[in-house]
N, C-alpha and C. Protein backbone atom coordinates (compact mmCIF):
# COMPACT_ATOMS: atom_id res chain seq x y z
N UNK A 1 120.24 53.30 -12.65
CA UNK A 1 121.05 52.69 -11.61
C UNK A 1 120.17 51.97 -10.58
N UNK A 2 119.04 52.53 -10.25
CA UNK A 2 118.18 51.90 -9.25
C UNK A 2 117.76 50.51 -9.70
N UNK A 3 117.49 50.34 -10.99
CA UNK A 3 117.08 49.03 -11.47
C UNK A 3 118.19 48.01 -11.29
N UNK A 4 119.42 48.38 -11.60
CA UNK A 4 120.55 47.47 -11.43
C UNK A 4 120.71 47.11 -9.94
N UNK A 5 120.63 48.13 -9.07
CA UNK A 5 120.75 47.87 -7.63
C UNK A 5 119.63 46.96 -7.17
N UNK A 6 118.43 47.21 -7.66
CA UNK A 6 117.28 46.40 -7.29
C UNK A 6 117.50 44.94 -7.68
N UNK A 7 118.04 44.70 -8.87
CA UNK A 7 118.34 43.34 -9.29
C UNK A 7 119.42 42.72 -8.40
N UNK A 8 120.42 43.50 -8.02
CA UNK A 8 121.47 43.00 -7.13
C UNK A 8 120.86 42.61 -5.78
N UNK A 9 120.01 43.47 -5.24
CA UNK A 9 119.36 43.16 -3.97
C UNK A 9 118.55 41.87 -4.09
N UNK A 10 117.82 41.71 -5.18
CA UNK A 10 117.04 40.48 -5.37
C UNK A 10 117.93 39.26 -5.45
N UNK A 11 119.09 39.40 -6.12
CA UNK A 11 120.04 38.29 -6.18
C UNK A 11 120.57 37.96 -4.78
N UNK A 12 120.86 38.99 -4.00
CA UNK A 12 121.31 38.80 -2.62
C UNK A 12 120.25 38.03 -1.83
N UNK A 13 119.00 38.44 -1.98
CA UNK A 13 117.91 37.78 -1.26
C UNK A 13 117.78 36.31 -1.65
N UNK A 14 117.95 36.02 -2.93
CA UNK A 14 117.85 34.63 -3.38
C UNK A 14 118.94 33.77 -2.74
N UNK A 15 120.15 34.29 -2.65
CA UNK A 15 121.23 33.53 -2.01
C UNK A 15 120.97 33.39 -0.51
N UNK A 16 120.57 34.48 0.14
CA UNK A 16 120.33 34.44 1.58
C UNK A 16 119.23 33.44 1.93
N UNK A 17 118.24 33.32 1.07
CA UNK A 17 117.16 32.36 1.33
C UNK A 17 117.65 30.92 1.31
N UNK A 18 118.80 30.67 0.71
CA UNK A 18 119.34 29.32 0.60
C UNK A 18 120.20 28.91 1.80
N UNK A 19 120.55 29.86 2.64
CA UNK A 19 121.36 29.53 3.81
C UNK A 19 120.53 28.64 4.74
N UNK A 20 121.00 27.43 5.01
CA UNK A 20 120.21 26.51 5.83
C UNK A 20 120.08 26.95 7.28
N UNK A 21 119.02 26.50 7.92
CA UNK A 21 118.86 26.71 9.37
C UNK A 21 120.08 26.17 10.08
N UNK A 22 120.55 26.90 11.08
CA UNK A 22 121.70 26.44 11.85
C UNK A 22 123.04 26.74 11.22
N UNK A 23 123.03 27.49 10.13
CA UNK A 23 124.27 27.87 9.43
C UNK A 23 124.26 29.38 9.23
N UNK A 24 125.41 29.96 8.96
CA UNK A 24 125.52 31.39 8.67
C UNK A 24 126.46 31.59 7.49
N UNK A 25 126.32 32.73 6.86
CA UNK A 25 127.25 33.13 5.81
C UNK A 25 127.63 34.58 6.08
N UNK A 26 128.46 35.13 5.22
CA UNK A 26 128.89 36.52 5.43
C UNK A 26 128.48 37.38 4.24
N UNK A 27 128.47 38.68 4.51
CA UNK A 27 128.16 39.65 3.46
C UNK A 27 129.13 39.47 2.30
N UNK A 28 130.42 39.32 2.63
CA UNK A 28 131.44 39.17 1.60
C UNK A 28 131.30 37.90 0.80
N UNK A 29 130.91 36.80 1.45
CA UNK A 29 130.75 35.53 0.74
C UNK A 29 129.61 35.62 -0.27
N UNK A 30 128.54 36.29 0.09
CA UNK A 30 127.43 36.48 -0.85
C UNK A 30 127.88 37.37 -2.01
N UNK A 31 128.57 38.46 -1.69
CA UNK A 31 129.04 39.37 -2.74
C UNK A 31 129.98 38.64 -3.71
N UNK A 32 130.91 37.86 -3.17
CA UNK A 32 131.86 37.12 -4.01
C UNK A 32 131.12 36.13 -4.90
N UNK A 33 130.17 35.41 -4.33
CA UNK A 33 129.39 34.44 -5.11
C UNK A 33 128.66 35.12 -6.26
N UNK A 34 128.18 36.34 -6.03
CA UNK A 34 127.45 37.07 -7.07
C UNK A 34 128.37 37.79 -8.05
N UNK A 35 129.69 37.58 -7.91
CA UNK A 35 130.65 38.17 -8.85
C UNK A 35 130.93 39.64 -8.57
N UNK A 36 130.68 40.07 -7.33
CA UNK A 36 130.90 41.45 -6.95
C UNK A 36 131.63 41.49 -5.61
N UNK A 37 132.81 40.87 -5.57
CA UNK A 37 133.47 40.65 -4.28
C UNK A 37 133.79 41.92 -3.50
N UNK A 38 133.78 43.06 -4.15
CA UNK A 38 134.03 44.32 -3.44
C UNK A 38 132.73 44.96 -2.94
N UNK A 39 131.64 44.24 -3.01
CA UNK A 39 130.32 44.80 -2.68
C UNK A 39 129.71 44.25 -1.40
N UNK A 40 130.53 43.82 -0.46
CA UNK A 40 130.01 43.29 0.80
C UNK A 40 129.12 44.31 1.50
N UNK A 41 129.51 45.57 1.44
CA UNK A 41 128.73 46.61 2.09
C UNK A 41 127.34 46.72 1.46
N UNK A 42 127.28 46.57 0.13
CA UNK A 42 125.99 46.63 -0.55
C UNK A 42 125.11 45.44 -0.14
N UNK A 43 125.72 44.29 0.07
CA UNK A 43 124.97 43.13 0.57
C UNK A 43 124.38 43.48 1.94
N UNK A 44 125.16 44.15 2.77
CA UNK A 44 124.67 44.59 4.07
C UNK A 44 123.48 45.53 3.93
N UNK A 45 123.55 46.44 2.99
CA UNK A 45 122.42 47.36 2.76
C UNK A 45 121.19 46.57 2.35
N UNK A 46 121.39 45.57 1.50
CA UNK A 46 120.26 44.74 1.08
C UNK A 46 119.65 44.02 2.28
N UNK A 47 120.49 43.49 3.15
CA UNK A 47 119.98 42.79 4.33
C UNK A 47 119.19 43.74 5.23
N UNK A 48 119.63 44.99 5.30
CA UNK A 48 118.96 45.97 6.16
C UNK A 48 117.53 46.25 5.74
N UNK A 49 117.23 46.05 4.47
CA UNK A 49 115.88 46.34 3.96
C UNK A 49 115.24 45.09 3.35
N UNK A 50 115.67 43.94 3.81
CA UNK A 50 115.20 42.68 3.21
C UNK A 50 113.74 42.39 3.59
N UNK A 51 113.04 41.70 2.69
CA UNK A 51 111.66 41.30 2.99
C UNK A 51 111.64 40.27 4.12
N UNK A 52 110.49 40.08 4.76
CA UNK A 52 110.39 39.17 5.91
C UNK A 52 110.77 37.72 5.62
N UNK A 53 110.66 37.28 4.36
CA UNK A 53 110.98 35.88 4.05
C UNK A 53 112.48 35.62 3.87
N UNK A 54 113.30 36.65 4.02
CA UNK A 54 114.75 36.50 3.90
C UNK A 54 115.34 36.34 5.30
N UNK A 55 116.06 35.25 5.55
CA UNK A 55 116.63 35.03 6.88
C UNK A 55 117.89 35.88 7.10
N UNK A 56 117.69 37.18 7.22
CA UNK A 56 118.82 38.12 7.35
C UNK A 56 119.66 37.85 8.58
N UNK A 57 119.09 37.19 9.58
CA UNK A 57 119.85 36.89 10.80
C UNK A 57 120.98 35.90 10.53
N UNK A 58 120.93 35.21 9.41
CA UNK A 58 121.97 34.22 9.08
C UNK A 58 123.14 34.83 8.31
N UNK A 59 123.12 36.15 8.10
CA UNK A 59 124.19 36.83 7.37
C UNK A 59 124.91 37.75 8.35
N UNK A 60 126.22 37.49 8.51
CA UNK A 60 127.03 38.21 9.50
C UNK A 60 128.30 38.74 8.82
N UNK A 61 129.14 39.42 9.60
CA UNK A 61 130.36 39.92 8.96
C UNK A 61 131.41 38.81 8.86
N UNK A 62 132.52 39.09 8.24
CA UNK A 62 133.53 38.06 7.94
C UNK A 62 134.17 37.45 9.17
N UNK A 63 134.00 38.08 10.32
CA UNK A 63 134.56 37.54 11.56
C UNK A 63 133.51 36.86 12.42
N UNK A 64 132.28 36.81 11.91
CA UNK A 64 131.21 36.18 12.66
C UNK A 64 130.51 37.10 13.64
N UNK A 65 130.75 38.39 13.51
CA UNK A 65 130.10 39.36 14.39
C UNK A 65 128.71 39.71 13.88
N UNK A 66 127.79 39.89 14.80
CA UNK A 66 126.40 40.23 14.44
C UNK A 66 126.27 41.74 14.22
N UNK A 67 126.97 42.24 13.22
CA UNK A 67 126.98 43.68 12.97
C UNK A 67 125.63 44.20 12.48
N UNK A 68 124.79 43.34 11.94
CA UNK A 68 123.48 43.76 11.46
C UNK A 68 122.42 43.81 12.53
N UNK A 69 122.78 43.49 13.76
CA UNK A 69 121.80 43.41 14.84
C UNK A 69 121.05 44.72 15.06
N UNK A 70 121.67 45.84 14.73
CA UNK A 70 121.02 47.14 14.96
C UNK A 70 119.77 47.32 14.11
N UNK A 71 119.62 46.50 13.09
CA UNK A 71 118.45 46.59 12.20
C UNK A 71 117.33 45.65 12.61
N UNK A 72 117.52 44.96 13.72
CA UNK A 72 116.48 44.08 14.26
C UNK A 72 115.81 44.79 15.42
N UNK A 73 114.55 44.49 15.61
CA UNK A 73 113.79 45.09 16.71
C UNK A 73 113.40 44.01 17.70
N UNK A 74 113.92 43.99 18.89
CA UNK A 74 115.07 44.73 19.40
C UNK A 74 116.36 44.13 18.84
N UNK A 75 117.48 44.80 18.99
CA UNK A 75 118.75 44.30 18.44
C UNK A 75 119.11 42.88 18.90
N UNK A 76 118.68 42.47 20.07
CA UNK A 76 118.99 41.13 20.56
C UNK A 76 118.22 40.04 19.78
N UNK A 77 117.26 40.44 18.96
CA UNK A 77 116.46 39.48 18.19
C UNK A 77 117.33 38.67 17.22
N UNK A 78 118.35 39.29 16.65
CA UNK A 78 119.22 38.58 15.71
C UNK A 78 119.88 37.40 16.41
N UNK A 79 120.46 37.65 17.57
CA UNK A 79 121.12 36.58 18.32
C UNK A 79 120.11 35.52 18.75
N UNK A 80 118.94 35.92 19.21
CA UNK A 80 117.92 34.96 19.64
C UNK A 80 117.47 34.07 18.49
N UNK A 81 117.31 34.64 17.29
CA UNK A 81 116.91 33.84 16.13
C UNK A 81 117.98 32.80 15.81
N UNK A 82 119.24 33.21 15.86
CA UNK A 82 120.33 32.27 15.59
C UNK A 82 120.38 31.17 16.64
N UNK A 83 120.26 31.55 17.90
CA UNK A 83 120.33 30.57 18.97
C UNK A 83 119.16 29.60 18.92
N UNK A 84 118.01 30.07 18.45
CA UNK A 84 116.85 29.19 18.27
C UNK A 84 117.15 28.10 17.24
N UNK A 85 118.07 28.41 16.31
CA UNK A 85 118.46 27.45 15.27
C UNK A 85 119.70 26.65 15.68
N UNK A 86 120.19 26.87 16.90
CA UNK A 86 121.34 26.11 17.39
C UNK A 86 122.68 26.78 17.18
N UNK A 87 122.69 28.01 16.67
CA UNK A 87 123.94 28.75 16.46
C UNK A 87 124.18 29.62 17.69
N UNK A 88 125.25 29.35 18.41
CA UNK A 88 125.57 30.12 19.61
C UNK A 88 126.31 31.40 19.22
N UNK A 89 125.93 32.50 19.87
CA UNK A 89 126.56 33.79 19.58
C UNK A 89 126.75 34.59 20.86
N UNK A 90 127.59 34.08 21.78
CA UNK A 90 127.83 34.84 23.00
C UNK A 90 128.53 36.16 22.67
N UNK A 91 128.12 37.20 23.33
CA UNK A 91 128.69 38.54 23.10
C UNK A 91 128.59 38.94 21.64
N UNK A 92 127.52 38.50 20.97
CA UNK A 92 127.23 38.85 19.57
C UNK A 92 128.33 38.44 18.59
N UNK A 93 128.98 37.31 18.88
CA UNK A 93 129.96 36.74 17.95
C UNK A 93 129.68 35.25 17.84
N UNK A 94 129.60 34.76 16.60
CA UNK A 94 129.30 33.36 16.35
C UNK A 94 130.39 32.47 16.93
N UNK A 95 129.97 31.53 17.75
CA UNK A 95 130.89 30.54 18.31
C UNK A 95 131.11 29.45 17.26
N UNK A 96 132.36 29.00 17.13
CA UNK A 96 132.71 28.00 16.12
C UNK A 96 132.28 28.45 14.71
N UNK A 97 132.63 29.68 14.41
CA UNK A 97 132.22 30.31 13.14
C UNK A 97 132.54 29.45 11.93
N UNK A 98 133.75 28.93 11.86
CA UNK A 98 134.14 28.12 10.69
C UNK A 98 133.27 26.87 10.55
N UNK A 99 132.88 26.30 11.66
CA UNK A 99 132.09 25.07 11.63
C UNK A 99 130.67 25.30 11.13
N UNK A 100 130.11 26.47 11.37
CA UNK A 100 128.74 26.74 10.95
C UNK A 100 128.68 27.63 9.71
N UNK A 101 129.85 28.02 9.20
CA UNK A 101 129.89 28.90 8.02
C UNK A 101 129.42 28.16 6.78
N UNK A 102 128.54 28.79 6.04
CA UNK A 102 128.00 28.26 4.79
C UNK A 102 128.51 29.13 3.67
N UNK A 103 129.36 28.57 2.80
CA UNK A 103 129.96 29.33 1.71
C UNK A 103 129.17 29.05 0.43
N UNK A 104 128.50 30.06 -0.11
CA UNK A 104 127.70 29.81 -1.32
C UNK A 104 128.51 29.28 -2.49
N UNK A 105 129.76 29.70 -2.61
CA UNK A 105 130.59 29.19 -3.73
C UNK A 105 130.81 27.69 -3.61
N UNK A 106 131.06 27.21 -2.41
CA UNK A 106 131.27 25.79 -2.18
C UNK A 106 129.97 25.02 -2.28
N UNK A 107 128.93 25.54 -1.62
CA UNK A 107 127.66 24.85 -1.54
C UNK A 107 126.84 24.88 -2.83
N UNK A 108 126.93 25.99 -3.55
CA UNK A 108 126.12 26.14 -4.76
C UNK A 108 126.93 26.01 -6.05
N UNK A 109 128.25 25.97 -5.90
CA UNK A 109 129.11 25.90 -7.07
C UNK A 109 129.36 27.30 -7.63
N UNK A 110 130.61 27.64 -7.86
CA UNK A 110 130.94 29.01 -8.26
C UNK A 110 131.21 29.20 -9.67
């Protein structure tokens, strides 16, 4: 089972690396793109332990909330990284979420 999970995590990382600067996606959108639409939580787990080259700050929950911020040191780092890319997140919620949302199925073809 660990090998399968490891491959899933690597697939998650590959998709997350494709999210452009200034855009965000959701755990569920990545899971759906990978054919595991009920695995949004597992995508979150992958983001929590992602390597440094994965822009985990660009992956948020389906409502645009920065729920993964607790895994950043300090937690405000997630919001600061997004704002550095032009994505506003007052009160840890993405402003104009639909406008900056990057859907892997649309962008990469499903």
